[in-house]
Amino acid sequence: MLNERKEPLISIRDLRMKFEDKYVLNGIDLEVYPGQIIGYIGPNGAGKSTTVKIMLGLVDGYDGEVSVLGQSPKDGDVEYKRRIGYVPEIAEIYDTLTAREYVTFIGELYGMTAQDAENKALRLLEQFGLGHAVDTRIATYSKGMKQKVLITSSLLHNPDILFLDEPLSGLDANSVMVVKELLSILVANGKTIFYSSHIMEVVEKISSRIILLDGGRIVADGTFEELKDRSQEGSLEQIFNQLTGFNEHRAIAEQFVSIVQEV
């Protein structure tokens, strides 16, 4: 296991979460160490977002033990959240604010002074190519511009752990390259990244460790090369399909096209 001599930043033991009469998480055991990029993948409904929301303290009512930066989300102490950054897949962003106002506000929530937050925010937004629009209301921004604001606000306070859910959504090709390089440099500097995405090519390339969830359980955990050796498949998408038992994609696509082309 990577970094096995270090203490885990995240430790999960026998995590179970039930909605109504169905287990969304059914016995998750997981340790995450400093300097790892965890690619956390699985089919829709596999429990990925629920796991992340539990670690962030956004969902309660689970069984098992969860520790993030030495604290349990159940304790009610939010201090550990000052060391976490989060980019959700669907964000409720205050789009009546300008980018300057929004990122400064987020910095203050993390304990920064307004002046420090604003100064740092302006420099980061400039690096992201948003310098010309910092005083424009976010409501007028494109999807990609909003995503840059979210990524900036998640990093403003220099977190130890970064949770990213589809962070490249809406970004142009150049910005995607910047973010991928950014993640690599952050990890080289000791940060830990929990990365959830359906874009298998990206997960395959950036992750130091890939965890595949299916039916509320971890069905694979290792580097891409380790997973490839075990499954004897060539790409992460092929490994994903093999381990989750999904092999109907070609047949579904052909049937879809046949319906489209009906006269």
Protein backbone atom coordinates (compact mmCIF):
# COMPACT_ATOMS: atom_id res chain seq x y z
CA MET A 1 0.00 0.00 0.00
CA LEU A 2 1.23 3.48 -0.85
CA ASN A 3 2.55 5.55 2.08
CA GLU A 4 1.85 2.72 4.50
CA ARG A 5 4.27 4.12 7.10
CA LYS A 6 2.26 7.31 7.47
CA GLU A 7 -0.88 7.82 9.51
CA PRO A 8 -4.02 7.82 7.36
CA LEU A 9 -5.78 11.16 6.87
CA ILE A 10 -9.04 9.30 6.31
CA SER A 11 -10.00 6.08 8.05
CA ILE A 12 -13.30 4.27 7.46
CA ARG A 13 -14.36 1.05 9.17
CA ASP A 14 -17.44 -1.01 8.27
CA LEU A 15 -19.34 2.01 6.97
CA ARG A 16 -23.01 1.28 6.33
CA MET A 17 -25.75 3.63 5.23
CA LYS A 18 -29.35 2.70 4.58
CA PHE A 19 -32.00 4.76 2.80
CA GLU A 20 -35.44 3.34 3.57
CA ASP A 21 -34.83 -0.43 3.34
CA LYS A 22 -31.87 -0.41 0.95
CA TYR A 23 -28.18 -0.26 1.87
CA VAL A 24 -26.40 2.37 -0.25
CA LEU A 25 -23.16 1.59 1.58
CA ASN A 26 -22.75 -1.95 2.85
CA GLY A 27 -19.48 -2.41 4.71
CA ILE A 28 -16.86 0.05 3.40
CA ASP A 29 -13.33 -0.24 4.80
CA LEU A 30 -10.90 2.39 3.58
CA GLU A 31 -7.73 4.23 4.56
CA VAL A 32 -6.39 7.21 2.62
CA TYR A 33 -2.84 8.49 3.08
CA PRO A 34 -1.08 11.82 2.45
CA GLY A 35 0.06 12.40 -1.12
CA GLN A 36 -2.46 10.13 -2.83
CA ILE A 37 -4.86 10.93 -5.65
CA ILE A 38 -7.76 8.58 -5.07
CA GLY A 39 -9.88 7.92 -8.12
CA TYR A 40 -13.25 7.00 -6.57
CA ILE A 41 -15.46 5.50 -9.25
CA GLY A 42 -18.57 3.38 -9.67
CA PRO A 43 -21.95 3.20 -11.41
CA ASN A 44 -24.69 5.69 -10.55
CA GLY A 45 -26.14 4.76 -7.18
CA ALA A 46 -23.04 2.87 -6.08
CA GLY A 47 -22.59 5.10 -3.02
CA LYS A 48 -19.78 7.44 -4.14
CA SER A 49 -21.47 10.74 -3.32
CA THR A 50 -22.89 9.34 -0.07
CA THR A 51 -19.39 8.35 1.08
CA VAL A 52 -18.04 11.82 0.36
CA LYS A 53 -20.96 13.59 2.02
CA ILE A 54 -20.52 11.48 5.15
CA MET A 55 -16.83 12.45 5.33
CA LEU A 56 -17.78 16.10 4.87
CA GLY A 57 -20.35 15.89 7.66
CA LEU A 58 -23.23 16.60 5.30
CA VAL A 59 -25.01 13.27 5.86
CA ASP A 60 -25.70 11.60 9.21
CA GLY A 61 -27.45 8.40 10.27
CA TYR A 62 -24.70 6.00 9.20
CA ASP A 63 -23.22 3.03 11.08
CA GLY A 64 -19.52 2.34 11.40
CA GLU A 65 -16.47 4.47 12.15
CA VAL A 66 -15.35 7.46 10.08
CA SER A 67 -12.33 9.59 10.91
CA VAL A 68 -11.15 12.55 8.81
CA LEU A 69 -7.99 14.32 9.94
CA GLY A 70 -8.39 12.64 13.31
CA GLN A 71 -11.98 13.74 13.87
CA SER A 72 -15.31 12.00 13.50
CA PRO A 73 -17.97 13.92 11.55
CA LYS A 74 -20.44 12.76 14.22
CA ASP A 75 -18.67 14.81 16.89
CA GLY A 76 -20.17 18.05 15.58
CA ASP A 77 -16.77 19.80 15.71
CA VAL A 78 -16.31 21.55 12.37
CA GLU A 79 -12.64 22.41 12.94
CA TYR A 80 -11.40 19.67 10.59
CA LYS A 81 -13.43 21.24 7.78
CA ARG A 82 -11.03 24.18 7.73
CA ARG A 83 -8.48 21.75 6.27
CA ILE A 84 -10.79 20.43 3.54
CA GLY A 85 -11.69 21.77 0.11
CA TYR A 86 -14.75 20.59 -1.83
CA VAL A 87 -15.99 20.96 -5.39
CA PRO A 88 -19.43 19.29 -5.67
CA GLU A 89 -20.80 17.99 -8.96
CA ILE A 90 -23.80 20.30 -8.67
CA ALA A 91 -23.06 23.41 -6.65
CA GLU A 92 -25.42 25.97 -5.24
CA ILE A 93 -23.34 29.02 -6.03
CA TYR A 94 -24.42 32.53 -5.00
CA ASP A 95 -24.51 33.82 -8.55
CA THR A 96 -25.83 37.28 -7.65
CA LEU A 97 -22.35 37.93 -6.22
CA THR A 98 -19.29 38.78 -8.27
CA ALA A 99 -16.38 36.32 -8.35
CA ARG A 100 -14.41 38.66 -6.10
CA GLU A 101 -17.23 38.75 -3.55
CA TYR A 102 -17.98 35.02 -3.69
CA VAL A 103 -14.42 33.72 -3.32
CA THR A 104 -13.64 36.29 -0.60
CA PHE A 105 -16.79 35.20 1.26
CA ILE A 106 -15.77 31.53 1.05
CA GLY A 107 -12.29 32.40 2.33
CA GLU A 108 -13.82 34.13 5.35
CA LEU A 109 -15.93 31.03 6.07
CA TYR A 110 -12.67 29.07 6.28
CA GLY A 111 -11.25 31.55 8.80
CA MET A 112 -9.26 33.88 6.55
CA THR A 113 -9.48 37.64 7.00
CA ALA A 114 -11.47 39.45 4.32
CA GLN A 115 -8.37 41.27 3.10
CA ASP A 116 -6.20 38.17 2.87
CA ALA A 117 -8.99 36.22 1.17
CA GLU A 118 -9.62 38.96 -1.39
CA ASN A 119 -5.93 39.49 -2.21
CA LYS A 120 -5.34 35.77 -2.70
CA ALA A 121 -8.60 35.29 -4.60
CA LEU A 122 -7.77 38.01 -7.12
CA ARG A 123 -4.35 36.49 -7.82
CA LEU A 124 -5.77 32.99 -8.25
CA LEU A 125 -8.65 34.13 -10.47
CA GLU A 126 -6.15 36.00 -12.62
CA GLN A 127 -4.16 32.79 -13.06
CA PHE A 128 -7.37 31.09 -14.18
CA GLY A 129 -7.98 33.74 -16.85
CA LEU A 130 -10.82 35.42 -14.96
CA GLY A 131 -9.06 38.64 -14.08
CA HIS A 132 -11.23 40.61 -16.50
CA ALA A 133 -14.45 39.32 -14.94
CA VAL A 134 -13.84 39.41 -11.17
CA ASP A 135 -16.36 42.21 -10.68
CA THR A 136 -19.01 40.74 -12.98
CA ARG A 137 -21.95 38.87 -11.46
CA ILE A 138 -21.45 35.11 -11.57
CA ALA A 139 -24.98 34.74 -13.02
CA THR A 140 -23.56 35.95 -16.35
CA TYR A 141 -20.72 33.40 -16.35
CA SER A 142 -20.49 30.35 -18.57
CA LYS A 143 -20.45 26.87 -17.01
CA GLY A 144 -16.68 26.72 -17.36
CA MET A 145 -16.16 30.11 -15.72
CA LYS A 146 -18.34 29.08 -12.78
CA GLN A 147 -16.32 25.88 -12.44
CA LYS A 148 -13.11 27.90 -12.24
CA VAL A 149 -14.63 29.98 -9.43
CA LEU A 150 -15.58 26.81 -7.53
CA ILE A 151 -12.12 25.29 -7.95
CA THR A 152 -10.51 28.55 -6.83
CA SER A 153 -12.73 28.80 -3.74
CA SER A 154 -11.96 25.18 -2.80
CA LEU A 155 -8.21 25.86 -2.79
CA LEU A 156 -8.11 29.40 -1.40
CA HIS A 157 -7.42 28.32 2.21
CA ASN A 158 -4.69 25.80 1.25
CA PRO A 159 -6.54 22.62 2.36
CA ASP A 160 -4.84 19.32 3.20
CA ILE A 161 -7.56 17.22 1.54
CA LEU A 162 -9.41 18.15 -1.62
CA PHE A 163 -12.68 16.42 -2.53
CA LEU A 164 -13.51 16.81 -6.22
CA ASP A 165 -16.69 15.58 -7.90
CA GLU A 166 -16.52 15.95 -11.70
CA PRO A 167 -14.22 19.01 -11.38
CA LEU A 168 -13.48 19.26 -15.12
CA SER A 169 -17.14 19.72 -16.08
CA GLY A 170 -17.51 22.62 -18.50
CA LEU A 171 -13.81 23.47 -18.70
CA ASP A 172 -12.13 24.13 -22.04
CA ALA A 173 -9.21 21.96 -23.18
CA ASN A 174 -6.52 24.38 -21.98
CA SER A 175 -8.11 24.72 -18.54
CA VAL A 176 -8.39 20.93 -18.25
CA MET A 177 -4.64 20.66 -18.80
CA VAL A 178 -4.02 23.35 -16.19
CA VAL A 179 -6.19 21.60 -13.58
CA LYS A 180 -4.65 18.18 -14.22
CA GLU A 181 -1.17 19.68 -13.81
CA LEU A 182 -2.35 21.57 -10.73
CA LEU A 183 -3.53 18.35 -9.08
CA SER A 184 -0.21 16.66 -9.82
CA ILE A 185 1.75 19.52 -8.22
CA LEU A 186 -0.54 19.62 -5.17
CA VAL A 187 0.00 15.91 -4.54
CA ALA A 188 3.76 16.30 -5.00
CA ASN A 189 3.52 18.90 -2.22
CA GLY A 190 1.85 16.46 0.15
CA LYS A 191 -1.83 17.21 -0.48
CA THR A 192 -4.39 14.42 -0.73
CA ILE A 193 -7.08 14.40 -3.41
CA PHE A 194 -10.30 12.39 -3.45
CA TYR A 195 -11.41 12.48 -7.08
CA SER A 196 -14.78 11.22 -8.31
CA SER A 197 -15.61 11.19 -12.01
CA HIS A 198 -17.28 9.21 -14.76
CA ILE A 199 -14.54 10.20 -17.23
CA MET A 200 -12.48 7.03 -17.03
CA GLU A 201 -9.61 8.29 -19.18
CA VAL A 202 -8.91 11.12 -16.74
CA VAL A 203 -9.20 8.92 -13.63
CA GLU A 204 -6.86 6.39 -15.24
CA LYS A 205 -4.21 9.01 -15.99
CA ILE A 206 -4.18 11.10 -12.82
CA SER A 207 -4.92 8.61 -10.03
CA SER A 208 -2.22 7.00 -7.92
CA ARG A 209 -4.87 4.67 -6.53
CA ILE A 210 -8.26 3.69 -7.94
CA ILE A 211 -11.17 2.50 -5.80
CA LEU A 212 -14.17 0.98 -7.56
CA LEU A 213 -17.47 0.88 -5.73
CA ASP A 214 -20.36 -1.32 -6.81
CA GLY A 215 -23.50 -2.16 -4.88
CA GLY A 216 -22.28 -0.28 -1.83
CA ARG A 217 -19.06 -2.31 -1.57
CA ILE A 218 -15.47 -1.83 -2.69
CA VAL A 219 -14.87 -4.35 -5.47
CA ALA A 220 -11.40 -3.14 -6.51
CA ASP A 221 -8.64 -1.09 -4.89
CA GLY A 222 -5.16 -0.50 -6.29
CA THR A 223 -3.09 1.30 -8.88
CA PHE A 224 -4.27 1.20 -12.47
CA GLU A 225 -1.51 -1.26 -13.34
CA GLU A 226 -2.54 -3.55 -10.47
CA LEU A 227 -6.18 -3.49 -11.54
CA LYS A 228 -5.20 -4.13 -15.14
CA ASP A 229 -3.06 -7.13 -14.17
CA ARG A 230 -5.86 -8.62 -12.09
CA SER A 231 -8.60 -8.20 -14.66
CA GLN A 232 -6.43 -8.72 -17.77
CA GLU A 233 -8.17 -5.76 -19.41
CA GLY A 234 -6.48 -2.89 -21.22
CA SER A 235 -8.32 0.26 -20.13
CA LEU A 236 -10.03 1.46 -16.98
CA GLU A 237 -13.34 1.55 -18.84
CA GLN A 238 -12.94 -2.14 -19.72
CA ILE A 239 -11.97 -2.99 -16.13
CA PHE A 240 -14.98 -1.02 -14.88
CA ASN A 241 -17.35 -2.91 -17.19
CA GLN A 242 -15.89 -6.27 -16.24
CA LEU A 243 -16.06 -5.72 -12.48
CA THR A 244 -19.53 -4.16 -12.49
CA GLY A 245 -20.89 -6.71 -14.95
CA PHE A 246 -22.01 -4.13 -17.49
CA ASN A 247 -21.51 -5.51 -20.99
CA GLU A 248 -24.62 -4.29 -22.79
CA HIS A 249 -23.30 -0.89 -23.92
CA ARG A 250 -22.87 -1.93 -27.56
CA ALA A 251 -26.30 -3.56 -27.77
CA ILE A 252 -28.01 -0.58 -26.12
CA ALA A 253 -26.26 1.88 -28.44
CA GLU A 254 -27.21 -0.14 -31.53
CA GLN A 255 -30.85 -0.33 -30.43
CA PHE A 256 -30.86 3.40 -29.69
CA VAL A 257 -29.58 4.21 -33.18
CA SER A 258 -32.06 1.83 -34.79
CA ILE A 259 -34.93 3.69 -33.08
CA VAL A 260 -33.51 7.08 -34.11
CA GLN A 261 -33.33 5.96 -37.73
CA GLU A 262 -36.85 4.58 -37.88
CA VAL A 263 -38.90 6.16 -40.67
